[in-house]
Each structure stands twice: as C-alpha cells, then as structure tokens.
Protein backbone atom coordinates (compact mmCIF):
# COMPACT_ATOMS: atom_id res chain seq x y z
CA UNK A 1 -121.43 35.19 242.45
CA UNK A 2 -119.79 32.65 244.76
CA UNK A 3 -116.19 31.51 244.33
CA UNK A 4 -117.19 27.96 243.40
CA UNK A 5 -119.44 29.28 240.61
CA UNK A 6 -116.76 31.65 239.31
CA UNK A 7 -114.21 28.83 239.25
CA UNK A 8 -116.80 26.57 237.61
CA UNK A 9 -117.28 28.96 234.68
CA UNK A 10 -113.49 29.21 234.34
CA UNK A 11 -113.23 25.41 234.41
CA UNK A 12 -115.67 24.88 231.53
CA UNK A 13 -114.00 27.59 229.46
CA UNK A 14 -110.67 25.78 230.01
CA UNK A 15 -112.18 22.37 229.17
CA UNK A 16 -113.65 23.64 225.91
CA UNK A 17 -110.53 25.52 224.83
CA UNK A 18 -108.08 22.81 225.92
CA UNK A 19 -106.25 25.28 228.17
CA UNK A 20 -103.98 22.91 230.12
CA UNK A 21 -102.45 25.75 232.18
CA UNK A 22 -105.88 26.85 233.40
CA UNK A 23 -106.84 23.25 234.18
CA UNK A 24 -103.67 22.85 236.24
CA UNK A 25 -104.60 25.99 238.22
CA UNK A 26 -108.19 24.89 238.76
CA UNK A 27 -107.69 21.17 239.48
CA UNK A 28 -105.59 19.65 242.25
CA UNK A 29 -102.59 17.51 241.34
CA UNK A 30 -104.16 14.59 243.20
CA UNK A 31 -107.44 15.13 241.32
CA UNK A 32 -109.70 12.07 240.96
CA UNK A 33 -112.19 11.55 238.18
CA UNK A 34 -114.94 8.99 237.78
CA UNK A 35 -116.32 8.68 234.26
CA UNK A 36 -119.56 6.82 233.61
CA UNK A 37 -119.19 3.05 233.28
CA UNK A 38 -119.96 1.92 229.74
CA UNK A 39 -118.26 4.78 227.91
CA UNK A 40 -116.59 3.56 224.70
CA UNK A 41 -112.95 2.48 224.49
CA UNK A 42 -112.80 1.71 228.21
CA UNK A 43 -113.08 5.36 229.22
CA UNK A 44 -115.73 4.68 231.88
CA UNK A 45 -113.57 4.14 234.94
CA UNK A 46 -111.82 5.91 237.81
CA UNK A 47 -108.75 8.08 237.20
CA UNK A 48 -106.29 9.00 239.91
CA UNK A 49 -104.21 12.13 239.45
CA UNK A 50 -104.53 15.14 237.20
CA UNK A 51 -102.08 13.71 234.66
CA UNK A 52 -104.14 10.53 234.37
CA UNK A 53 -107.36 12.49 233.88
CA UNK A 54 -105.85 14.76 231.26
CA UNK A 55 -103.75 12.15 229.46
CA UNK A 56 -105.80 8.97 229.73
CA UNK A 57 -109.35 10.33 229.73
CA UNK A 58 -109.77 13.76 228.18
CA UNK A 59 -107.00 13.25 225.58
CA UNK A 60 -108.66 10.01 224.42
CA UNK A 61 -112.05 11.74 224.20
CA UNK A 62 -110.39 14.39 222.00
CA UNK A 63 -109.02 11.62 219.75
CA UNK A 64 -112.48 10.09 219.36
CA UNK A 65 -114.68 13.20 219.13
CA UNK A 66 -114.86 16.82 218.15
CA UNK A 67 -116.72 17.82 221.29
CA UNK A 68 -118.24 20.90 222.89
CA UNK A 69 -119.13 20.59 226.57
CA UNK A 70 -122.16 22.87 226.84
CA UNK A 71 -122.76 23.58 230.51
CA UNK A 72 -126.26 25.02 230.85
CA UNK A 73 -126.80 25.19 234.60
CA UNK A 74 -124.42 25.61 237.54
CA UNK A 75 -125.53 24.91 241.11
CA UNK A 76 -123.52 25.88 244.19
CA UNK A 77 -124.06 23.07 246.69
CA UNK A 78 -121.46 24.25 249.20
CA UNK A 79 -118.41 22.04 248.74
CA UNK A 80 -119.82 20.58 245.52
CA UNK A 81 -120.48 22.24 242.18
CA UNK A 82 -123.23 20.54 240.21
CA UNK A 83 -123.28 21.24 236.49
CA UNK A 84 -125.96 20.16 234.05
CA UNK A 85 -125.53 20.31 230.31
CA UNK A 86 -125.00 18.42 227.08
CA UNK A 87 -122.07 17.04 225.15
CA UNK A 88 -122.46 18.17 221.53
CA UNK A 89 -120.10 16.94 218.89
CA UNK A 90 -119.17 14.50 216.18
CA UNK A 91 -117.27 11.23 216.25
CA UNK A 92 -114.17 11.59 214.08
CA UNK A 93 -114.28 8.06 212.59
CA UNK A 94 -117.99 7.65 211.88
CA UNK A 95 -118.97 11.28 211.33
CA UNK A 96 -122.04 10.66 213.49
CA UNK A 97 -123.34 13.31 215.84
CA UNK A 98 -123.19 13.01 219.60
CA UNK A 99 -125.79 14.84 221.67
CA UNK A 100 -125.65 13.40 225.20
CA UNK A 101 -126.95 15.08 228.35
CA UNK A 102 -124.69 15.10 231.40
CA UNK A 103 -124.54 15.93 235.07
CA UNK A 104 -121.17 16.65 236.65
CA UNK A 105 -120.48 16.71 240.36
CA UNK A 106 -117.24 18.55 241.23
CA UNK A 107 -115.86 18.46 244.77
CA UNK A 108 -114.24 21.77 245.74
CA UNK A 109 -111.76 22.36 248.56
CA UNK A 110 -112.17 26.14 248.64
CA UNK A 111 -109.36 26.75 246.17
CA UNK A 112 -109.35 23.94 243.58
CA UNK A 113 -111.55 21.13 242.35
CA UNK A 114 -110.46 17.78 243.76
CA UNK A 115 -112.87 15.28 242.22
CA UNK A 116 -115.33 14.79 239.36
CA UNK A 117 -118.18 12.34 239.02
CA UNK A 118 -119.72 12.25 235.54
CA UNK A 119 -123.20 10.96 234.74
CA UNK A 120 -124.12 10.61 231.06
CA UNK A 121 -125.95 8.30 228.65
CA UNK A 122 -123.08 6.07 227.58
CA UNK A 123 -125.21 4.35 224.93
CA UNK A 124 -125.38 7.60 222.96
CA UNK A 125 -121.56 7.82 223.07
CA UNK A 126 -121.18 4.23 221.83
CA UNK A 127 -123.79 4.67 219.09
CA UNK A 128 -122.03 7.75 217.73
CA UNK A 129 -118.71 5.99 217.18
CA UNK A 130 -120.21 2.98 215.38
CA UNK A 131 -119.92 3.55 211.64
C-alpha cells in the first residue's frame, strides 16, 4: 500500500473519532479546506489554516450533526488522494437523517495533507436540518 493511501486511512479514522492529535500530525498547519458552496449555516466556503478548518468548519458540523464519514473508496492519484463515500448521520435539531454522497480531493506533499476540496449534495444537508 502506498504512503498516501496509508495516511488516508489514518486520516478518516481520525476524522471519525475526533482525534485532534492525529489530525495535527496528518494535516499541515497551513492547511486549506474548500467546503461545497451551499452547505447550511454558511459552512460552504474556503478555510485557511488548520485551526480554522477544525474550529470553524468541522466543529460546527459536529454541533449540527451526529455524523459518520464513511469512506468507501480511496484512489492514489500521485500527489492527490481521491476519496469517495457517504456522510451518514442525523441532524441534532430536527432528528432527520442525512445520507449524502461525497468526493474528497486531498493534496499531499509527501508527508502531510495540505488541502481538501469537498464535493457533496448540499441540498441533502440543508433538508436534514429543516424541522
């Protein structure tokens, strides 16, 4: 198994368990994230820095949803890891289920991930939080 794939499996384990120490090892401090435009509560935007991604994006998602990021397929594309899967969870306020497919594109510098681009159906996210 290639290094990028090994680190990718570690990354999704850390994302699902909320392991901040592992995320700090796997993601660069100057990490950049781009979440899909149209996500609820203004989440669909660009984030600059690991602290911004963890505190302004992922922490807000955790406040809105009980969520499992089920990564089904990992593709080594050289300096990019492509991951396909589904977000499975429940919106805390409405109790509605969320089942939204995703594709993630992670840039990798040979040691850490430096950037994420997320593609998902934002309408399914919005529908799940509406009571």
